[in-house]
Each structure stands twice: as C-alpha cells, then as structure tokens.
Amino acid sequence: MAKEEIKKLLDNSKKELDGDYDNFVNSIKDDLSSYKKKTLDRI
C-alpha cells in the first residue's frame, strides 16, 4: 500500500513540475518577444 501511495505522489509531483516548467518556458518566450518588439519600436 505504501509503495503505491509513494508512486502516486511521485507521478503527481512530476506532472506538476512539468506544468510549472512549461509555464516558465512560455513566460520567458513572451518576455523575449516583448523585448524584441520594444527594441524594434525604439529603432
């Protein structure tokens, strides 16, 4: 029983970390595109 609970917790943690990573990557991409746009506007 304990092994199954630990496995379930690990799976949930992995899913959560993957989601956080994806959000982080998207946030950085958005920031970069925003900076590029601002830079081009200034030129």
PDB file of N, CA and C in Angstrom:
ATOM      1  N   MET A   1       0.833  -1.200   0.000  1.00  0.00           N
ATOM      2  CA  MET A   1       0.000   0.000   0.000  1.00  0.00           C
ATOM      3  C   MET A   1       0.873   1.257   0.000  1.00  0.00           C
ATOM      4  N   ALA A   2       1.894   1.279   0.820  1.00  0.00           N
ATOM      5  CA  ALA A   2       2.741   2.469   0.911  1.00  0.00           C
ATOM      6  C   ALA A   2       3.467   2.734  -0.398  1.00  0.00           C
ATOM      7  N   LYS A   3       3.907   1.656  -1.067  1.00  0.00           N
ATOM      8  CA  LYS A   3       4.611   1.834  -2.338  1.00  0.00           C
ATOM      9  C   LYS A   3       3.697   2.480  -3.372  1.00  0.00           C
ATOM     10  N   GLU A   4       2.450   2.072  -3.390  1.00  0.00           N
ATOM     11  CA  GLU A   4       1.505   2.641  -4.353  1.00  0.00           C
ATOM     12  C   GLU A   4       1.250   4.114  -4.070  1.00  0.00           C
ATOM     13  N   GLU A   5       1.159   4.462  -2.797  1.00  0.00           N
ATOM     14  CA  GLU A   5       0.936   5.868  -2.431  1.00  0.00           C
ATOM     15  C   GLU A   5       2.125   6.724  -2.831  1.00  0.00           C
ATOM     16  N   ILE A   6       3.338   6.203  -2.584  1.00  0.00           N
ATOM     17  CA  ILE A   6       4.548   6.954  -2.939  1.00  0.00           C
ATOM     18  C   ILE A   6       4.625   7.125  -4.450  1.00  0.00           C
ATOM     19  N   LYS A   7       4.316   6.053  -5.187  1.00  0.00           N
ATOM     20  CA  LYS A   7       4.344   6.137  -6.650  1.00  0.00           C
ATOM     21  C   LYS A   7       3.340   7.169  -7.147  1.00  0.00           C
ATOM     22  N   LYS A   8       2.163   7.197  -6.544  1.00  0.00           N
ATOM     23  CA  LYS A   8       1.132   8.159  -6.946  1.00  0.00           C
ATOM     24  C   LYS A   8       1.594   9.589  -6.650  1.00  0.00           C
ATOM     25  N   LEU A   9       2.203   9.795  -5.481  1.00  0.00           N
ATOM     26  CA  LEU A   9       2.708  11.123  -5.137  1.00  0.00           C
ATOM     27  C   LEU A   9       3.808  11.560  -6.098  1.00  0.00           C
ATOM     28  N   LEU A  10       4.696  10.640  -6.448  1.00  0.00           N
ATOM     29  CA  LEU A  10       5.764  10.972  -7.391  1.00  0.00           C
ATOM     30  C   LEU A  10       5.200  11.334  -8.764  1.00  0.00           C
ATOM     31  N   ASP A  11       4.217  10.581  -9.217  1.00  0.00           N
ATOM     32  CA  ASP A  11       3.595  10.880 -10.509  1.00  0.00           C
ATOM     33  C   ASP A  11       2.936  12.258 -10.486  1.00  0.00           C
ATOM     34  N   ASN A  12       2.241  12.566  -9.400  1.00  0.00           N
ATOM     35  CA  ASN A  12       1.591  13.874  -9.285  1.00  0.00           C
ATOM     36  C   ASN A  12       2.626  14.995  -9.249  1.00  0.00           C
ATOM     37  N   SER A  13       3.718  14.771  -8.539  1.00  0.00           N
ATOM     38  CA  SER A  13       4.770  15.775  -8.458  1.00  0.00           C
ATOM     39  C   SER A  13       5.392  16.007  -9.832  1.00  0.00           C
ATOM     40  N   LYS A  14       5.612  14.919 -10.571  1.00  0.00           N
ATOM     41  CA  LYS A  14       6.197  15.047 -11.909  1.00  0.00           C
ATOM     42  C   LYS A  14       5.268  15.837 -12.819  1.00  0.00           C
ATOM     43  N   LYS A  15       3.986  15.557 -12.769  1.00  0.00           N
ATOM     44  CA  LYS A  15       3.030  16.289 -13.604  1.00  0.00           C
ATOM     45  C   LYS A  15       3.036  17.768 -13.245  1.00  0.00           C
ATOM     46  N   GLU A  16       3.087  18.064 -11.952  1.00  0.00           N
ATOM     47  CA  GLU A  16       3.074  19.456 -11.503  1.00  0.00           C
ATOM     48  C   GLU A  16       4.348  20.177 -11.946  1.00  0.00           C
ATOM     49  N   LEU A  17       5.493  19.507 -11.801  1.00  0.00           N
ATOM     50  CA  LEU A  17       6.758  20.117 -12.213  1.00  0.00           C
ATOM     51  C   LEU A  17       6.801  20.339 -13.717  1.00  0.00           C
ATOM     52  N   ASP A  18       6.292  19.383 -14.484  1.00  0.00           N
ATOM     53  CA  ASP A  18       6.243  19.551 -15.938  1.00  0.00           C
ATOM     54  C   ASP A  18       5.376  20.756 -16.308  1.00  0.00           C
ATOM     55  N   GLY A  19       4.254  20.904 -15.630  1.00  0.00           N
ATOM     56  CA  GLY A  19       3.379  22.043 -15.888  1.00  0.00           C
ATOM     57  C   GLY A  19       4.055  23.357 -15.534  1.00  0.00           C
ATOM     58  N   ASP A  20       4.735  23.381 -14.391  1.00  0.00           N
ATOM     59  CA  ASP A  20       5.451  24.589 -13.985  1.00  0.00           C
ATOM     60  C   ASP A  20       6.547  24.934 -14.987  1.00  0.00           C
ATOM     61  N   TYR A  21       7.247  23.912 -15.467  1.00  0.00           N
ATOM     62  CA  TYR A  21       8.313  24.132 -16.442  1.00  0.00           C
ATOM     63  C   TYR A  21       7.753  24.733 -17.726  1.00  0.00           C
ATOM     64  N   ASP A  22       6.650  24.170 -18.195  1.00  0.00           N
ATOM     65  CA  ASP A  22       6.033  24.686 -19.419  1.00  0.00           C
ATOM     66  C   ASP A  22       5.609  26.139 -19.243  1.00  0.00           C
ATOM     67  N   ASN A  23       5.029  26.467 -18.091  1.00  0.00           N
ATOM     68  CA  ASN A  23       4.627  27.849 -17.824  1.00  0.00           C
ATOM     69  C   ASN A  23       5.837  28.771 -17.795  1.00  0.00           C
ATOM     70  N   PHE A  24       6.935  28.297 -17.202  1.00  0.00           N
ATOM     71  CA  PHE A  24       8.158  29.074 -17.110  1.00  0.00           C
ATOM     72  C   PHE A  24       8.718  29.360 -18.501  1.00  0.00           C
ATOM     73  N   VAL A  25       8.757  28.326 -19.352  1.00  0.00           N
ATOM     74  CA  VAL A  25       9.278  28.478 -20.710  1.00  0.00           C
ATOM     75  C   VAL A  25       8.414  29.471 -21.490  1.00  0.00           C
ATOM     76  N   ASN A  26       7.116  29.333 -21.374  1.00  0.00           N
ATOM     77  CA  ASN A  26       6.218  30.246 -22.089  1.00  0.00           C
ATOM     78  C   ASN A  26       6.380  31.674 -21.597  1.00  0.00           C
ATOM     79  N   SER A  27       6.584  31.846 -20.306  1.00  0.00           N
ATOM     80  CA  SER A  27       6.782  33.174 -19.743  1.00  0.00           C
ATOM     81  C   SER A  27       8.045  33.821 -20.314  1.00  0.00           C
ATOM     82  N   ILE A  28       9.110  33.051 -20.391  1.00  0.00           N
ATOM     83  CA  ILE A  28      10.363  33.582 -20.935  1.00  0.00           C
ATOM     84  C   ILE A  28      10.200  33.935 -22.410  1.00  0.00           C
ATOM     85  N   LYS A  29       9.521  33.073 -23.165  1.00  0.00           N
ATOM     86  CA  LYS A  29       9.300  33.358 -24.586  1.00  0.00           C
ATOM     87  C   LYS A  29       8.495  34.639 -24.760  1.00  0.00           C
ATOM     88  N   ASP A  30       7.478  34.823 -23.933  1.00  0.00           N
ATOM     89  CA  ASP A  30       6.673  36.043 -24.010  1.00  0.00           C
ATOM     90  C   ASP A  30       7.516  37.271 -23.691  1.00  0.00           C
ATOM     91  N   ASP A  31       8.367  37.154 -22.653  1.00  0.00           N
ATOM     92  CA  ASP A  31       9.227  38.280 -22.289  1.00  0.00           C
ATOM     93  C   ASP A  31      10.177  38.620 -23.429  1.00  0.00           C
ATOM     94  N   LEU A  32      10.759  37.608 -24.048  1.00  0.00           N
ATOM     95  CA  LEU A  32      11.692  37.856 -25.147  1.00  0.00           C
ATOM     96  C   LEU A  32      11.007  38.529 -26.322  1.00  0.00           C
ATOM     97  N   SER A  33       9.816  38.071 -26.664  1.00  0.00           N
ATOM     98  CA  SER A  33       9.119  38.703 -27.787  1.00  0.00           C
ATOM     99  C   SER A  33       8.737  40.134 -27.443  1.00  0.00           C
ATOM    100  N   SER A  34       8.402  40.380 -26.179  1.00  0.00           N
ATOM    101  CA  SER A  34       8.082  41.736 -25.742  1.00  0.00           C
ATOM    102  C   SER A  34       9.313  42.639 -25.849  1.00  0.00           C
ATOM    103  N   TYR A  35      10.469  42.146 -25.420  1.00  0.00           N
ATOM    104  CA  TYR A  35      11.698  42.935 -25.502  1.00  0.00           C
ATOM    105  C   TYR A  35      12.070  43.214 -26.953  1.00  0.00           C
ATOM    106  N   LYS A  36      11.902  42.195 -27.812  1.00  0.00           N
ATOM    107  CA  LYS A  36      12.217  42.399 -29.230  1.00  0.00           C
ATOM    108  C   LYS A  36      11.324  43.485 -29.816  1.00  0.00           C
ATOM    109  N   LYS A  37      10.055  43.448 -29.479  1.00  0.00           N
ATOM    110  CA  LYS A  37       9.121  44.431 -30.022  1.00  0.00           C
ATOM    111  C   LYS A  37       9.491  45.843 -29.533  1.00  0.00           C
ATOM    112  N   LYS A  38       9.791  45.959 -28.242  1.00  0.00           N
ATOM    113  CA  LYS A  38      10.165  47.267 -27.693  1.00  0.00           C
ATOM    114  C   LYS A  38      11.436  47.786 -28.338  1.00  0.00           C
ATOM    115  N   THR A  39      12.392  46.904 -28.547  1.00  0.00           N
ATOM    116  CA  THR A  39      13.654  47.309 -29.157  1.00  0.00           C
ATOM    117  C   THR A  39      13.433  47.775 -30.588  1.00  0.00           C
ATOM    118  N   LEU A  40      12.643  47.038 -31.351  1.00  0.00           N
ATOM    119  CA  LEU A  40      12.370  47.437 -32.732  1.00  0.00           C
ATOM    120  C   LEU A  40      11.599  48.745 -32.799  1.00  0.00           C
ATOM    121  N   ASP A  41      10.715  48.977 -31.832  1.00  0.00           N
ATOM    122  CA  ASP A  41       9.969  50.221 -31.801  1.00  0.00           C
ATOM    123  C   ASP A  41      10.870  51.419 -31.551  1.00  0.00           C
ATOM    124  N   ARG A  42      11.936  51.201 -30.787  1.00  0.00           N
ATOM    125  CA  ARG A  42      12.838  52.289 -30.455  1.00  0.00           C
ATOM    126  C   ARG A  42      13.747  52.647 -31.631  1.00  0.00           C
ATOM    127  N   ILE A  43      13.993  51.683 -32.495  1.00  0.00           N
ATOM    128  CA  ILE A  43      14.932  51.911 -33.614  1.00  0.00           C
ATOM    129  C   ILE A  43      14.281  52.770 -34.688  1.00  0.00           C
TER     130      ILE A  43
END
